[in-house]
Amino acid sequence: MKVTVVGAGAVGASCAEYIAIKDFASEVVILDIKEGFAEGKAMDLMQTASLNGFDTKITGTTNDYSKTADSDICVITSGIPRKPGMTREELIGINAGIVKMVSSSLIEHSPNTIIIVVSNPMDTMTYLVHKTTGLPKNRVIGMGGALDSARFKYRLAEALGAPISDVDGMVIGGHSDKGMVPLTRLATRNSVPVSQFISDDRLNQVKEDTKVGGATLTKLLGTSAWYAPGAAVSGLVQAIACDQKKIFPCSTLLDGEYGLNDLCIGVPVVLGRNGIESIVDIKLSDAEKAHMQESAEGVKKTNGLLEL
């Protein structure tokens, strides 16, 4: 199992680290355009192998896509990160050109690969990869919902005063501050609806805090977060590599599912060796359907800024 991570920045390096520590891949290749940067990150990570007990080989390369040949899974994290006050959508001009070039180069050397898109605006970048590569929909996956759901569960556990292992919840919709649809109605604490433990007002605060989770961290850190995004990516990669058939909310191309067409947006999917094995159709309430439709319109508006 060979995995390529494009972009040796904070998110890419964290992603590579978590994949290596889980020890399910034989090789992880980190690629970056900055001379020596990926090589340095790879060497630093390899020097943790004996300490962390993994045998995954990590190699770095400066813009040499031949080193990524025959990758089973490729992760695209490259592009400029958010700065305080920036929306994900404001990154589209620069990041679209980068993602288009990167995806083309990856497929040239790994025609059967599965691509996971992390670069923002993530739903639109996932759509761009679909439109420019022609890959089947099961092999292009946008990472957003897995991260948003992790942030949702963090906020739920905080509000409940409960261990996070007791909490389950999911966020669908667009990966944006306004587009996220945290499914508070379906959130549970050890199978019991969270509404039995906290008030509607507190649950609504959890929802709002979740939606601005990325912006909150960007304001505190001065740049985008990296630990949770890296961990979220590694979870998706492991589910595919190990054929786990796990359900994650991911950005995927819809063809009528959830009443939506010709866009990529976060919905629950089953991830296995073929990438997206199936899309899970949740019965949404009327309010959730309305929020999902509003989110889709926002994604389509951003998609309209692409030069396809």
Protein backbone atom coordinates (compact mmCIF):
# COMPACT_ATOMS: atom_id res chain seq x y z
CA MET A 1 0.00 0.00 0.00
CA LYS A 2 1.60 3.22 -1.23
CA VAL A 3 0.21 6.61 -0.27
CA THR A 4 1.29 9.98 -1.66
CA VAL A 5 0.74 13.25 0.18
CA VAL A 6 1.19 16.37 -1.95
CA GLY A 7 2.12 19.35 0.21
CA ALA A 8 4.66 19.07 3.05
CA GLY A 9 3.16 21.89 5.07
CA ALA A 10 1.56 21.45 8.48
CA VAL A 11 -1.50 19.52 7.27
CA GLY A 12 0.42 17.31 4.84
CA ALA A 13 3.13 16.47 7.36
CA SER A 14 0.58 15.71 10.09
CA CYS A 15 -1.32 13.50 7.66
CA ALA A 16 1.85 11.59 6.76
CA GLU A 17 2.76 11.24 10.45
CA TYR A 18 -0.64 9.80 11.46
CA ILE A 19 -0.65 7.39 8.52
CA ALA A 20 2.84 6.17 9.40
CA ILE A 21 2.07 5.77 13.10
CA LYS A 22 -0.99 3.62 12.27
CA ASP A 23 1.44 1.39 10.33
CA PHE A 24 -0.94 0.13 7.64
CA ALA A 25 0.93 1.54 4.61
CA SER A 26 4.19 0.19 3.25
CA GLU A 27 5.28 3.59 1.91
CA VAL A 28 4.29 7.23 2.23
CA VAL A 29 5.70 9.73 -0.28
CA ILE A 30 5.62 13.43 0.58
CA LEU A 31 5.98 15.84 -2.34
CA ASP A 32 6.43 19.60 -2.22
CA ILE A 33 7.61 22.33 -4.60
CA LYS A 34 9.95 23.90 -2.03
CA GLU A 35 13.47 22.54 -2.49
CA GLY A 36 14.42 20.04 0.20
CA PHE A 37 11.31 20.71 2.31
CA ALA A 38 9.57 17.36 1.78
CA GLU A 39 12.89 15.52 2.09
CA GLY A 40 13.51 17.20 5.43
CA LYS A 41 10.03 16.45 6.76
CA ALA A 42 10.36 12.81 5.64
CA MET A 43 13.76 12.41 7.31
CA ASP A 44 12.50 13.98 10.53
CA LEU A 45 9.48 11.66 10.55
CA MET A 46 11.59 8.58 9.77
CA GLN A 47 13.73 9.39 12.80
CA THR A 48 10.60 8.86 14.94
CA ALA A 49 10.01 5.35 13.55
CA SER A 50 11.96 3.48 16.24
CA LEU A 51 10.42 5.70 18.92
CA ASN A 52 6.84 5.31 17.70
CA GLY A 53 7.16 1.70 16.59
CA PHE A 54 6.24 1.85 12.91
CA ASP A 55 7.84 0.34 9.81
CA THR A 56 6.21 2.52 7.14
CA LYS A 57 8.85 3.96 4.82
CA ILE A 58 8.52 7.74 4.42
CA THR A 59 10.29 9.45 1.54
CA GLY A 60 10.30 13.06 0.40
CA THR A 61 10.73 14.57 -3.04
CA THR A 62 10.90 18.03 -4.55
CA ASN A 63 8.33 18.15 -7.34
CA ASP A 64 9.35 14.78 -8.85
CA TYR A 65 6.05 13.06 -9.57
CA SER A 66 7.80 9.95 -10.88
CA LYS A 67 8.51 9.13 -7.21
CA THR A 68 4.73 8.93 -6.65
CA ALA A 69 4.22 6.26 -9.36
CA ASP A 70 1.77 3.47 -8.59
CA SER A 71 0.31 5.15 -5.53
CA ASP A 72 -2.91 3.49 -4.33
CA ILE A 73 -4.14 6.68 -2.66
CA CYS A 74 -3.07 10.30 -3.25
CA VAL A 75 -3.86 13.17 -0.89
CA ILE A 76 -3.82 16.76 -2.16
CA THR A 77 -3.16 19.29 0.61
CA SER A 78 -1.25 21.80 -1.53
CA GLY A 79 -2.32 25.41 -1.87
CA ILE A 80 -2.27 28.50 0.29
CA PRO A 81 -3.80 28.21 3.78
CA ARG A 82 -6.33 30.58 5.28
CA LYS A 83 -5.26 33.67 7.17
CA PRO A 84 -7.35 35.29 9.90
CA GLY A 85 -10.47 36.88 8.43
CA MET A 86 -10.27 34.93 5.17
CA THR A 87 -13.01 32.61 3.99
CA ARG A 88 -12.19 29.30 2.35
CA GLU A 89 -13.82 30.60 -0.82
CA GLU A 90 -11.28 33.44 -1.13
CA LEU A 91 -8.56 30.88 -1.84
CA ILE A 92 -10.13 29.69 -5.09
CA GLY A 93 -8.10 31.68 -7.64
CA ILE A 94 -4.67 30.44 -6.59
CA ASN A 95 -5.62 26.99 -5.33
CA ALA A 96 -7.65 25.98 -8.40
CA GLY A 97 -4.59 26.23 -10.64
CA ILE A 98 -2.46 24.30 -8.16
CA VAL A 99 -4.99 21.50 -7.64
CA LYS A 100 -5.60 21.10 -11.38
CA MET A 101 -1.87 20.73 -12.08
CA VAL A 102 -1.27 18.41 -9.14
CA SER A 103 -4.16 16.05 -9.91
CA SER A 104 -3.10 15.79 -13.55
CA SER A 105 0.50 14.98 -12.57
CA LEU A 106 -0.59 12.37 -10.04
CA ILE A 107 -2.85 10.53 -12.47
CA GLU A 108 -0.13 10.53 -15.12
CA HIS A 109 1.98 8.33 -12.82
CA SER A 110 -0.80 6.54 -10.90
CA PRO A 111 -3.76 6.12 -13.29
CA ASN A 112 -5.64 3.83 -10.88
CA THR A 113 -5.22 5.94 -7.78
CA ILE A 114 -7.93 7.23 -5.45
CA ILE A 115 -7.63 10.98 -4.80
CA ILE A 116 -8.51 12.67 -1.51
CA VAL A 117 -8.82 16.46 -1.77
CA VAL A 118 -8.06 18.63 1.25
CA SER A 119 -7.23 21.98 -0.42
CA ASN A 120 -9.77 24.77 0.09
CA PRO A 121 -12.41 25.62 -0.93
CA MET A 122 -12.62 21.86 -0.58
CA ASP A 123 -16.01 21.06 -2.16
CA THR A 124 -15.17 23.17 -5.21
CA MET A 125 -11.64 21.73 -5.49
CA THR A 126 -13.14 18.22 -5.38
CA TYR A 127 -15.55 19.20 -8.15
CA LEU A 128 -12.62 20.62 -10.13
CA VAL A 129 -10.72 17.31 -9.89
CA HIS A 130 -13.81 15.47 -11.14
CA LYS A 131 -14.28 17.80 -14.08
CA THR A 132 -10.64 17.95 -15.17
CA THR A 133 -9.56 14.33 -14.64
CA GLY A 134 -12.63 12.37 -15.69
CA LEU A 135 -12.08 9.89 -12.85
CA PRO A 136 -15.14 7.89 -11.74
CA LYS A 137 -16.99 9.41 -8.78
CA ASN A 138 -15.91 6.68 -6.36
CA ARG A 139 -12.25 7.64 -6.79
CA VAL A 140 -12.45 11.36 -5.94
CA ILE A 141 -13.18 12.18 -2.30
CA GLY A 142 -13.27 15.53 -0.53
CA MET A 143 -12.15 15.59 3.09
CA GLY A 144 -14.31 18.01 5.04
CA GLY A 145 -17.14 16.24 6.76
CA ALA A 146 -14.82 13.94 8.71
CA LEU A 147 -13.05 16.98 10.17
CA ASP A 148 -16.26 18.95 10.75
CA SER A 149 -17.82 15.93 12.49
CA ALA A 150 -14.78 15.58 14.76
CA ARG A 151 -15.15 19.24 15.72
CA PHE A 152 -18.88 18.70 16.27
CA LYS A 153 -18.20 15.77 18.63
CA TYR A 154 -15.61 17.84 20.49
CA ARG A 155 -18.17 20.59 21.07
CA LEU A 156 -20.88 18.06 22.03
CA ALA A 157 -18.62 16.38 24.59
CA GLU A 158 -17.73 19.81 25.97
CA ALA A 159 -21.40 20.76 26.37
CA LEU A 160 -22.35 17.38 27.85
CA GLY A 161 -19.38 17.18 30.21
CA ALA A 162 -18.94 13.68 28.77
CA PRO A 163 -15.98 11.68 27.48
CA ILE A 164 -15.74 12.09 23.73
CA SER A 165 -15.81 8.30 23.27
CA ASP A 166 -19.43 8.45 24.51
CA VAL A 167 -20.46 10.93 21.81
CA ASP A 168 -21.50 10.40 18.19
CA GLY A 169 -22.60 12.96 15.64
CA MET A 170 -22.24 13.93 12.01
CA VAL A 171 -21.92 17.08 9.91
CA ILE A 172 -23.04 17.07 6.28
CA GLY A 173 -23.28 19.86 3.69
CA GLY A 174 -20.60 22.20 2.41
CA HIS A 175 -17.24 22.57 4.14
CA SER A 176 -17.72 26.27 4.88
CA ASP A 177 -18.70 28.40 7.85
CA LYS A 178 -22.20 28.93 6.46
CA GLY A 179 -22.63 25.66 4.59
CA MET A 180 -22.15 23.09 7.33
CA VAL A 181 -25.23 21.17 8.47
CA PRO A 182 -24.53 19.63 11.91
CA LEU A 183 -27.19 16.97 12.46
CA THR A 184 -28.03 17.83 16.09
CA ARG A 185 -31.28 15.85 15.86
CA LEU A 186 -29.32 12.62 15.31
CA ALA A 187 -26.45 13.29 17.74
CA THR A 188 -26.23 10.82 20.62
CA ARG A 189 -24.47 10.09 23.88
CA ASN A 190 -24.04 6.32 24.02
CA SER A 191 -27.14 5.87 21.80
CA VAL A 192 -29.25 8.33 23.84
CA PRO A 193 -30.25 11.55 21.98
CA VAL A 194 -28.18 14.46 23.31
CA SER A 195 -31.37 16.52 23.52
CA GLN A 196 -32.15 14.54 26.70
CA PHE A 197 -29.08 15.98 28.39
CA ILE A 198 -28.77 19.59 27.19
CA SER A 199 -31.19 22.38 26.29
CA ASP A 200 -32.11 23.42 22.76
CA ASP A 201 -30.26 26.71 23.29
CA ARG A 202 -27.07 24.92 24.32
CA LEU A 203 -27.39 22.49 21.42
CA ASN A 204 -27.81 25.40 19.02
CA GLN A 205 -24.65 26.98 20.45
CA VAL A 206 -22.82 23.71 19.80
CA LYS A 207 -24.00 23.84 16.20
CA GLU A 208 -22.86 27.43 15.70
CA ASP A 209 -19.47 26.79 17.37
CA THR A 210 -18.98 23.80 15.08
CA LYS A 211 -19.68 25.80 11.94
CA VAL A 212 -16.98 28.36 12.78
CA GLY A 213 -14.58 25.72 14.14
CA GLY A 214 -11.97 26.34 11.45
CA ALA A 215 -12.26 30.12 11.62
CA THR A 216 -11.91 30.03 15.42
CA LEU A 217 -8.63 28.15 15.12
CA THR A 218 -7.36 30.35 12.29
CA LYS A 219 -7.92 33.40 14.48
CA LEU A 220 -6.05 31.80 17.39
CA LEU A 221 -3.21 30.28 15.37
CA GLY A 222 -2.80 32.88 12.64
CA THR A 223 -3.14 30.13 10.01
CA SER A 224 -5.22 27.02 9.34
CA ALA A 225 -5.27 24.16 11.84
CA TRP A 226 -3.33 20.96 11.10
CA TYR A 227 -3.57 18.27 13.80
CA ALA A 228 -7.28 17.47 13.39
CA PRO A 229 -7.24 17.88 9.57
CA GLY A 230 -4.25 15.52 9.37
CA ALA A 231 -5.95 12.99 11.62
CA ALA A 232 -9.17 13.22 9.60
CA VAL A 233 -7.32 12.51 6.36
CA SER A 234 -5.50 9.55 7.91
CA GLY A 235 -8.84 8.11 8.98
CA LEU A 236 -10.15 8.23 5.41
CA VAL A 237 -6.93 6.77 4.01
CA GLN A 238 -6.99 3.91 6.51
CA ALA A 239 -10.63 3.11 5.79
CA ILE A 240 -9.79 2.78 2.09
CA ALA A 241 -6.44 1.02 2.47
CA CYS A 242 -7.77 -1.52 4.97
CA ASP A 243 -11.15 -1.93 3.24
CA GLN A 244 -12.91 -1.07 6.51
CA LYS A 245 -16.30 -0.17 5.01
CA LYS A 246 -16.58 2.67 7.53
CA ILE A 247 -19.07 5.52 7.18
CA PHE A 248 -17.67 9.03 6.95
CA PRO A 249 -19.30 12.22 5.68
CA CYS A 250 -17.25 13.12 2.58
CA SER A 251 -17.61 15.49 -0.33
CA THR A 252 -18.67 13.43 -3.32
CA LEU A 253 -20.21 14.07 -6.72
CA LEU A 254 -23.99 13.78 -6.50
CA ASP A 255 -26.23 12.59 -9.32
CA GLY A 256 -29.67 12.95 -7.79
CA GLU A 257 -28.84 11.81 -4.27
CA TYR A 258 -30.34 14.14 -1.67
CA GLY A 259 -32.14 15.84 -4.57
CA LEU A 260 -28.88 17.41 -5.76
CA ASN A 261 -26.99 17.18 -9.06
CA ASP A 262 -23.67 18.20 -10.59
CA LEU A 263 -21.86 19.30 -7.45
CA CYS A 264 -19.65 17.84 -4.74
CA ILE A 265 -20.89 18.24 -1.19
CA GLY A 266 -20.62 16.41 2.10
CA VAL A 267 -22.88 13.38 2.57
CA PRO A 268 -22.33 10.11 4.46
CA VAL A 269 -20.53 7.48 2.38
CA VAL A 270 -19.16 3.99 2.96
CA LEU A 271 -15.38 3.96 2.38
CA GLY A 272 -13.58 0.78 1.32
CA ARG A 273 -10.96 -0.50 -1.08
CA ASN A 274 -12.77 1.01 -4.09
CA GLY A 275 -12.95 4.44 -2.48
CA ILE A 276 -16.58 5.44 -2.12
CA GLU A 277 -18.40 2.11 -2.04
CA SER A 278 -21.86 3.66 -1.64
CA ILE A 279 -23.68 6.84 -0.61
CA VAL A 280 -25.84 6.54 2.52
CA ASP A 281 -29.25 8.17 2.18
CA ILE A 282 -30.30 9.65 5.53
CA LYS A 283 -33.91 10.73 5.92
CA LEU A 284 -33.57 14.41 6.68
CA SER A 285 -36.17 16.59 8.37
CA ASP A 286 -37.70 19.45 6.39
CA ALA A 287 -35.44 21.94 8.20
CA GLU A 288 -32.35 19.85 7.46
CA LYS A 289 -33.36 19.53 3.80
CA ALA A 290 -33.73 23.31 3.60
CA HIS A 291 -30.30 23.85 5.16
CA MET A 292 -28.79 21.28 2.79
CA GLN A 293 -30.33 23.02 -0.22
CA GLU A 294 -29.04 26.40 0.98
CA SER A 295 -25.58 24.88 1.46
CA ALA A 296 -25.67 23.39 -2.05
CA GLU A 297 -26.53 26.77 -3.55
CA GLY A 298 -23.50 28.28 -1.81
CA VAL A 299 -21.23 25.54 -3.18
CA LYS A 300 -22.61 25.98 -6.70
CA LYS A 301 -22.00 29.72 -6.47
CA THR A 302 -18.34 29.07 -5.62
CA ASN A 303 -18.12 26.45 -8.40
CA GLY A 304 -19.24 29.17 -10.79
CA LEU A 305 -15.95 30.99 -10.15
CA LEU A 306 -13.97 28.11 -11.67
CA GLU A 307 -12.53 28.44 -15.16
CA LEU A 308 -13.19 24.94 -16.47
